[in-house]
N, C-alpha and C. Protein backbone atom coordinates (compact mmCIF):
# COMPACT_ATOMS: atom_id res chain seq x y z
N MET A 1 89.24 50.19 -21.72
CA MET A 1 89.20 49.82 -20.34
C MET A 1 88.11 50.57 -19.60
N ILE A 2 87.54 49.91 -18.63
CA ILE A 2 86.48 50.51 -17.83
C ILE A 2 87.09 50.92 -16.50
N ASP A 3 86.75 52.13 -16.10
CA ASP A 3 87.25 52.64 -14.82
C ASP A 3 86.38 52.10 -13.70
N THR A 4 86.95 51.26 -12.86
CA THR A 4 86.21 50.68 -11.74
C THR A 4 86.73 51.20 -10.42
N SER A 5 87.11 52.43 -10.38
CA SER A 5 87.62 53.00 -9.14
C SER A 5 86.49 53.14 -8.12
N SER A 6 86.84 53.50 -6.95
CA SER A 6 85.87 53.54 -5.85
C SER A 6 85.12 54.86 -5.78
N ARG A 7 84.96 55.50 -6.87
CA ARG A 7 84.19 56.74 -6.88
C ARG A 7 82.70 56.44 -6.72
N ARG A 8 82.09 57.26 -6.00
CA ARG A 8 80.64 57.13 -5.83
C ARG A 8 79.96 58.19 -6.67
N CYS A 9 78.78 57.85 -7.06
CA CYS A 9 77.98 58.81 -7.80
C CYS A 9 77.38 59.77 -6.79
N GLU A 10 77.73 61.00 -6.92
CA GLU A 10 77.23 62.00 -5.99
C GLU A 10 75.99 62.66 -6.55
N VAL A 11 74.98 62.71 -5.72
CA VAL A 11 73.75 63.41 -6.10
C VAL A 11 73.67 64.62 -5.20
N ARG A 12 73.72 65.74 -5.82
CA ARG A 12 73.65 66.97 -5.04
C ARG A 12 72.21 67.44 -4.99
N LYS A 13 71.82 67.86 -3.80
CA LYS A 13 70.45 68.34 -3.60
C LYS A 13 70.43 69.85 -3.69
N SER A 14 69.38 70.32 -4.31
CA SER A 14 69.21 71.76 -4.41
C SER A 14 68.69 72.27 -3.07
N PRO A 15 68.79 73.56 -2.84
CA PRO A 15 68.24 74.11 -1.59
C PRO A 15 66.75 73.83 -1.44
N GLY A 16 66.02 73.78 -2.53
CA GLY A 16 64.59 73.48 -2.48
C GLY A 16 64.33 72.08 -1.99
N ASP A 17 65.17 71.11 -2.48
CA ASP A 17 65.03 69.72 -2.03
C ASP A 17 65.36 69.59 -0.56
N GLN A 18 66.36 70.30 -0.12
CA GLN A 18 66.73 70.27 1.30
C GLN A 18 65.62 70.85 2.17
N ALA A 19 64.96 71.89 1.68
CA ALA A 19 63.86 72.49 2.43
C ALA A 19 62.70 71.51 2.55
N ILE A 20 62.43 70.78 1.49
CA ILE A 20 61.33 69.80 1.51
C ILE A 20 61.63 68.70 2.53
N VAL A 21 62.88 68.24 2.56
CA VAL A 21 63.27 67.21 3.52
C VAL A 21 63.09 67.73 4.95
N LEU A 22 63.49 68.96 5.20
CA LEU A 22 63.34 69.54 6.54
C LEU A 22 61.87 69.70 6.92
N ILE A 23 61.05 70.10 5.98
CA ILE A 23 59.61 70.25 6.25
C ILE A 23 58.99 68.90 6.58
N ARG A 24 59.37 67.87 5.81
CA ARG A 24 58.83 66.53 6.08
C ARG A 24 59.24 66.04 7.47
N ARG A 25 60.49 66.28 7.82
CA ARG A 25 60.96 65.86 9.14
C ARG A 25 60.20 66.62 10.24
N GLY A 26 59.98 67.91 10.02
CA GLY A 26 59.24 68.71 11.00
C GLY A 26 57.81 68.23 11.16
N LEU A 27 57.16 67.90 10.03
CA LEU A 27 55.79 67.39 10.09
C LEU A 27 55.74 66.05 10.82
N LEU A 28 56.71 65.19 10.55
CA LEU A 28 56.76 63.90 11.23
C LEU A 28 56.93 64.09 12.73
N LEU A 29 57.80 65.00 13.11
CA LEU A 29 58.01 65.28 14.53
C LEU A 29 56.75 65.83 15.18
N CYS A 30 56.03 66.72 14.49
CA CYS A 30 54.77 67.27 15.02
C CYS A 30 53.72 66.17 15.19
N CYS A 31 53.62 65.28 14.20
CA CYS A 31 52.65 64.19 14.29
C CYS A 31 52.96 63.28 15.47
N LEU A 32 54.23 62.97 15.66
CA LEU A 32 54.60 62.13 16.80
C LEU A 32 54.30 62.81 18.12
N ALA A 33 54.55 64.11 18.19
CA ALA A 33 54.27 64.85 19.43
C ALA A 33 52.77 64.89 19.70
N LEU A 34 51.97 65.12 18.68
CA LEU A 34 50.51 65.15 18.86
C LEU A 34 49.98 63.78 19.28
N ALA A 35 50.53 62.73 18.70
CA ALA A 35 50.09 61.38 19.08
C ALA A 35 50.42 61.11 20.54
N GLY A 36 51.57 61.54 20.99
CA GLY A 36 51.95 61.36 22.39
C GLY A 36 51.07 62.15 23.33
N ILE A 37 50.76 63.38 22.96
CA ILE A 37 49.92 64.23 23.80
C ILE A 37 48.50 63.70 23.86
N SER A 38 47.96 63.29 22.71
CA SER A 38 46.57 62.81 22.71
C SER A 38 46.45 61.51 23.48
N GLY A 39 47.49 60.70 23.51
CA GLY A 39 47.45 59.47 24.30
C GLY A 39 47.41 59.75 25.78
N CYS A 40 48.04 60.82 26.19
CA CYS A 40 48.05 61.18 27.61
C CYS A 40 46.74 61.83 28.04
N ALA A 41 46.03 62.42 27.10
CA ALA A 41 44.83 63.17 27.43
C ALA A 41 43.56 62.35 27.29
N SER A 42 43.67 61.04 27.10
CA SER A 42 42.48 60.23 26.93
C SER A 42 41.68 60.20 28.23
N PRO A 43 40.35 60.20 28.11
CA PRO A 43 39.52 60.21 29.32
C PRO A 43 39.63 58.88 30.06
N GLU A 44 39.33 58.95 31.34
CA GLU A 44 39.37 57.74 32.17
C GLU A 44 38.28 56.79 31.70
N SER A 45 38.64 55.52 31.55
CA SER A 45 37.66 54.54 31.11
C SER A 45 36.73 54.17 32.27
N ILE A 46 35.54 53.77 31.91
CA ILE A 46 34.54 53.42 32.90
C ILE A 46 34.30 51.92 32.84
N ASP A 47 34.30 51.27 33.97
CA ASP A 47 33.99 49.85 34.04
C ASP A 47 32.47 49.71 34.02
N LEU A 48 31.94 49.30 32.87
CA LEU A 48 30.49 49.24 32.69
C LEU A 48 29.83 48.11 33.48
N ASP A 49 30.61 47.15 33.91
CA ASP A 49 30.05 46.04 34.68
C ASP A 49 30.06 46.29 36.18
N SER A 50 30.63 47.40 36.60
CA SER A 50 30.78 47.67 38.01
C SER A 50 29.52 48.28 38.61
N PHE A 51 29.13 47.74 39.74
CA PHE A 51 28.03 48.33 40.50
C PHE A 51 28.56 49.03 41.74
N ASP A 52 29.83 49.36 41.71
CA ASP A 52 30.47 50.08 42.81
C ASP A 52 29.88 51.49 42.87
N PRO A 53 29.30 51.86 44.00
CA PRO A 53 28.67 53.19 44.11
C PRO A 53 29.63 54.35 43.90
N SER A 54 30.94 54.10 44.02
CA SER A 54 31.87 55.19 43.81
C SER A 54 32.03 55.52 42.32
N HIS A 55 31.62 54.61 41.43
CA HIS A 55 31.64 54.90 40.00
C HIS A 55 30.39 55.70 39.63
N ASN A 56 30.46 56.37 38.51
CA ASN A 56 29.33 57.18 38.07
C ASN A 56 28.23 56.28 37.50
N GLN A 57 27.36 55.82 38.36
CA GLN A 57 26.32 54.88 37.97
C GLN A 57 25.30 55.50 37.02
N THR A 58 25.07 56.79 37.15
CA THR A 58 24.13 57.46 36.24
C THR A 58 24.68 57.44 34.82
N GLU A 59 25.97 57.68 34.67
CA GLU A 59 26.59 57.65 33.34
C GLU A 59 26.54 56.24 32.75
N ILE A 60 26.78 55.25 33.59
CA ILE A 60 26.71 53.86 33.13
C ILE A 60 25.29 53.52 32.72
N ALA A 61 24.31 53.95 33.50
CA ALA A 61 22.90 53.70 33.15
C ALA A 61 22.54 54.37 31.83
N ASN A 62 23.03 55.60 31.63
CA ASN A 62 22.76 56.30 30.36
C ASN A 62 23.36 55.55 29.19
N TYR A 63 24.55 55.00 29.37
CA TYR A 63 25.18 54.22 28.31
C TYR A 63 24.29 53.03 27.93
N TYR A 64 23.85 52.27 28.93
CA TYR A 64 23.00 51.11 28.65
C TYR A 64 21.66 51.51 28.05
N ARG A 65 21.12 52.62 28.51
CA ARG A 65 19.85 53.09 27.95
C ARG A 65 20.03 53.48 26.48
N ASN A 66 21.14 54.14 26.15
CA ASN A 66 21.41 54.50 24.75
C ASN A 66 21.59 53.26 23.89
N GLN A 67 22.23 52.24 24.44
CA GLN A 67 22.39 50.99 23.71
C GLN A 67 21.03 50.32 23.48
N ALA A 68 20.15 50.41 24.46
CA ALA A 68 18.80 49.84 24.32
C ALA A 68 18.03 50.57 23.22
N VAL A 69 18.17 51.88 23.17
CA VAL A 69 17.51 52.65 22.12
C VAL A 69 18.03 52.22 20.75
N ALA A 70 19.33 52.04 20.63
CA ALA A 70 19.92 51.60 19.37
C ALA A 70 19.40 50.22 18.97
N MET A 71 19.25 49.33 19.95
CA MET A 71 18.74 47.99 19.65
C MET A 71 17.28 48.05 19.20
N ARG A 72 16.50 48.94 19.82
CA ARG A 72 15.10 49.08 19.40
C ARG A 72 15.00 49.64 17.99
N GLU A 73 15.90 50.55 17.64
CA GLU A 73 15.92 51.07 16.27
C GLU A 73 16.24 49.97 15.28
N LYS A 74 17.19 49.10 15.65
CA LYS A 74 17.52 47.97 14.78
C LYS A 74 16.34 47.01 14.67
N ALA A 75 15.65 46.80 15.78
CA ALA A 75 14.47 45.91 15.76
C ALA A 75 13.40 46.48 14.84
N ASP A 76 13.16 47.78 14.93
CA ASP A 76 12.17 48.41 14.05
C ASP A 76 12.57 48.30 12.59
N ALA A 77 13.85 48.49 12.31
CA ALA A 77 14.32 48.40 10.93
C ALA A 77 14.14 46.98 10.40
N GLN A 78 14.41 45.98 11.22
CA GLN A 78 14.25 44.60 10.77
C GLN A 78 12.77 44.24 10.61
N ALA A 79 11.92 44.77 11.47
CA ALA A 79 10.48 44.51 11.33
C ALA A 79 9.96 45.13 10.04
N THR A 80 10.42 46.33 9.73
CA THR A 80 10.04 46.98 8.47
C THR A 80 10.55 46.18 7.28
N ALA A 81 11.79 45.70 7.38
CA ALA A 81 12.35 44.89 6.30
C ALA A 81 11.55 43.60 6.12
N ALA A 82 11.11 43.01 7.22
CA ALA A 82 10.32 41.77 7.12
C ALA A 82 9.03 42.01 6.36
N VAL A 83 8.38 43.13 6.63
CA VAL A 83 7.12 43.46 5.92
C VAL A 83 7.40 43.65 4.44
N ARG A 84 8.48 44.33 4.11
CA ARG A 84 8.82 44.54 2.70
C ARG A 84 9.19 43.23 2.01
N TYR A 85 9.97 42.41 2.69
CA TYR A 85 10.35 41.12 2.11
C TYR A 85 9.12 40.25 1.88
N GLU A 86 8.18 40.31 2.83
CA GLU A 86 6.96 39.51 2.69
C GLU A 86 6.16 39.95 1.47
N ALA A 87 6.12 41.26 1.24
CA ALA A 87 5.40 41.76 0.06
C ALA A 87 6.11 41.36 -1.23
N LEU A 88 7.42 41.28 -1.20
CA LEU A 88 8.17 40.95 -2.42
C LEU A 88 8.27 39.45 -2.67
N PHE A 89 8.55 38.68 -1.62
CA PHE A 89 8.88 37.27 -1.81
C PHE A 89 7.87 36.30 -1.22
N GLY A 90 6.86 36.81 -0.53
CA GLY A 90 5.87 35.94 0.09
C GLY A 90 6.22 35.65 1.53
N PRO A 91 5.22 35.21 2.31
CA PRO A 91 5.41 35.02 3.75
C PRO A 91 6.33 33.85 4.11
N GLU A 92 6.57 32.93 3.21
CA GLU A 92 7.39 31.75 3.51
C GLU A 92 8.87 31.93 3.17
N ALA A 93 9.25 33.10 2.70
CA ALA A 93 10.64 33.32 2.27
C ALA A 93 11.59 33.33 3.47
N ASP A 94 12.79 32.86 3.22
CA ASP A 94 13.81 32.84 4.28
C ASP A 94 14.15 34.26 4.75
N LEU A 95 14.14 35.22 3.84
CA LEU A 95 14.44 36.60 4.23
C LEU A 95 13.43 37.12 5.24
N VAL A 96 12.18 36.74 5.07
CA VAL A 96 11.13 37.19 5.98
C VAL A 96 11.36 36.62 7.38
N SER A 97 11.57 35.31 7.45
CA SER A 97 11.76 34.70 8.77
C SER A 97 13.06 35.18 9.41
N GLY A 98 14.10 35.41 8.61
CA GLY A 98 15.36 35.91 9.15
C GLY A 98 15.22 37.31 9.71
N ALA A 99 14.51 38.17 8.99
CA ALA A 99 14.31 39.54 9.46
C ALA A 99 13.46 39.57 10.72
N LYS A 100 12.44 38.72 10.78
CA LYS A 100 11.61 38.65 11.98
C LYS A 100 12.41 38.13 13.18
N ALA A 101 13.26 37.14 12.94
CA ALA A 101 14.09 36.60 14.02
C ALA A 101 15.07 37.66 14.53
N LEU A 102 15.66 38.41 13.62
CA LEU A 102 16.56 39.48 14.04
C LEU A 102 15.82 40.56 14.82
N ALA A 103 14.63 40.91 14.35
CA ALA A 103 13.85 41.92 15.06
C ALA A 103 13.55 41.46 16.48
N HIS A 104 13.20 40.19 16.64
CA HIS A 104 12.91 39.62 17.96
C HIS A 104 14.17 39.63 18.84
N TYR A 105 15.29 39.24 18.26
CA TYR A 105 16.56 39.24 19.01
C TYR A 105 16.93 40.65 19.47
N TYR A 106 16.83 41.61 18.57
CA TYR A 106 17.17 43.00 18.93
C TYR A 106 16.24 43.53 20.02
N GLU A 107 14.97 43.16 19.96
CA GLU A 107 14.03 43.62 20.99
C GLU A 107 14.35 42.98 22.34
N GLN A 108 14.68 41.70 22.35
CA GLN A 108 15.06 41.05 23.61
C GLN A 108 16.33 41.67 24.19
N THR A 109 17.29 41.97 23.32
CA THR A 109 18.54 42.59 23.76
C THR A 109 18.25 43.98 24.33
N ALA A 110 17.36 44.72 23.69
CA ALA A 110 16.99 46.05 24.20
C ALA A 110 16.36 45.96 25.58
N GLN A 111 15.50 44.97 25.79
CA GLN A 111 14.89 44.79 27.10
C GLN A 111 15.93 44.46 28.16
N GLU A 112 16.89 43.61 27.81
CA GLU A 112 17.95 43.26 28.76
C GLU A 112 18.81 44.49 29.09
N LEU A 113 19.16 45.27 28.08
CA LEU A 113 19.95 46.48 28.31
C LEU A 113 19.18 47.49 29.17
N GLU A 114 17.90 47.59 28.95
CA GLU A 114 17.06 48.50 29.75
C GLU A 114 17.03 48.05 31.21
N ARG A 115 16.96 46.74 31.42
CA ARG A 115 16.96 46.21 32.78
C ARG A 115 18.28 46.50 33.49
N VAL A 116 19.38 46.35 32.78
CA VAL A 116 20.69 46.65 33.36
C VAL A 116 20.79 48.15 33.67
N ALA A 117 20.27 48.98 32.77
CA ALA A 117 20.28 50.43 33.01
C ALA A 117 19.49 50.77 34.28
N GLN A 118 18.35 50.12 34.46
CA GLN A 118 17.55 50.36 35.66
C GLN A 118 18.29 49.93 36.92
N ALA A 119 19.03 48.83 36.84
CA ALA A 119 19.80 48.38 38.00
C ALA A 119 20.88 49.40 38.35
N HIS A 120 21.54 49.96 37.35
CA HIS A 120 22.56 50.98 37.62
C HIS A 120 21.93 52.26 38.15
N GLU A 121 20.75 52.60 37.67
CA GLU A 121 20.05 53.78 38.21
C GLU A 121 19.67 53.56 39.67
N ALA A 122 19.28 52.36 40.01
CA ALA A 122 18.93 52.06 41.40
C ALA A 122 20.15 52.22 42.30
N VAL A 123 21.32 51.81 41.80
CA VAL A 123 22.55 51.99 42.58
C VAL A 123 22.84 53.47 42.74
N ALA A 124 22.62 54.22 41.67
CA ALA A 124 22.87 55.67 41.74
C ALA A 124 21.95 56.34 42.75
N ARG A 125 20.69 55.88 42.82
CA ARG A 125 19.74 56.46 43.77
C ARG A 125 20.05 56.04 45.20
N ASN A 126 20.34 54.76 45.39
CA ASN A 126 20.50 54.22 46.74
C ASN A 126 21.94 54.23 47.23
N LYS A 127 22.87 54.41 46.32
CA LYS A 127 24.30 54.40 46.63
C LYS A 127 24.74 53.08 47.26
N ARG A 128 24.14 51.98 46.80
CA ARG A 128 24.59 50.67 47.26
C ARG A 128 24.40 49.66 46.12
N THR A 129 25.12 48.58 46.19
CA THR A 129 25.11 47.56 45.15
C THR A 129 23.81 46.76 45.22
N PRO A 130 23.15 46.50 44.05
CA PRO A 130 21.92 45.71 44.07
C PRO A 130 22.22 44.27 44.48
N ALA A 131 21.24 43.64 45.08
CA ALA A 131 21.42 42.27 45.59
C ALA A 131 21.69 41.29 44.45
N ALA A 132 20.88 41.32 43.42
CA ALA A 132 21.05 40.39 42.31
C ALA A 132 20.71 41.08 41.01
N VAL A 133 21.62 40.97 40.07
CA VAL A 133 21.40 41.51 38.73
C VAL A 133 21.51 40.36 37.78
N ARG A 134 20.46 40.12 37.02
CA ARG A 134 20.46 38.97 36.09
C ARG A 134 20.85 39.41 34.73
């Protein structure tokens, strides 16, 4: 006969296992606390589209200027790639025309970002909203 009584299989934990469980719980609690604290300490976001003189227009202009620099770096990289592709595959290759098109796009984007940065700088200097920003 098989004993089918309601006994449960008891697994006893050693003191070392109990310590590991407590350490894990403590680490989880610390991680949750740090996540909560870091969420509260996040910096105030900046509305980059705002020309409100009460916002830090110089900081917004610097952001757009940095983005323009990044776009110019991408344009230079694509222009260099186009020259290399032309040497490898010839001037009619799709890679050449694609790299040139990207370089042109990045340069146009950089010019637009620079123009927006200048508009924000003008607001910072004059402390008033520009009449028209394209």
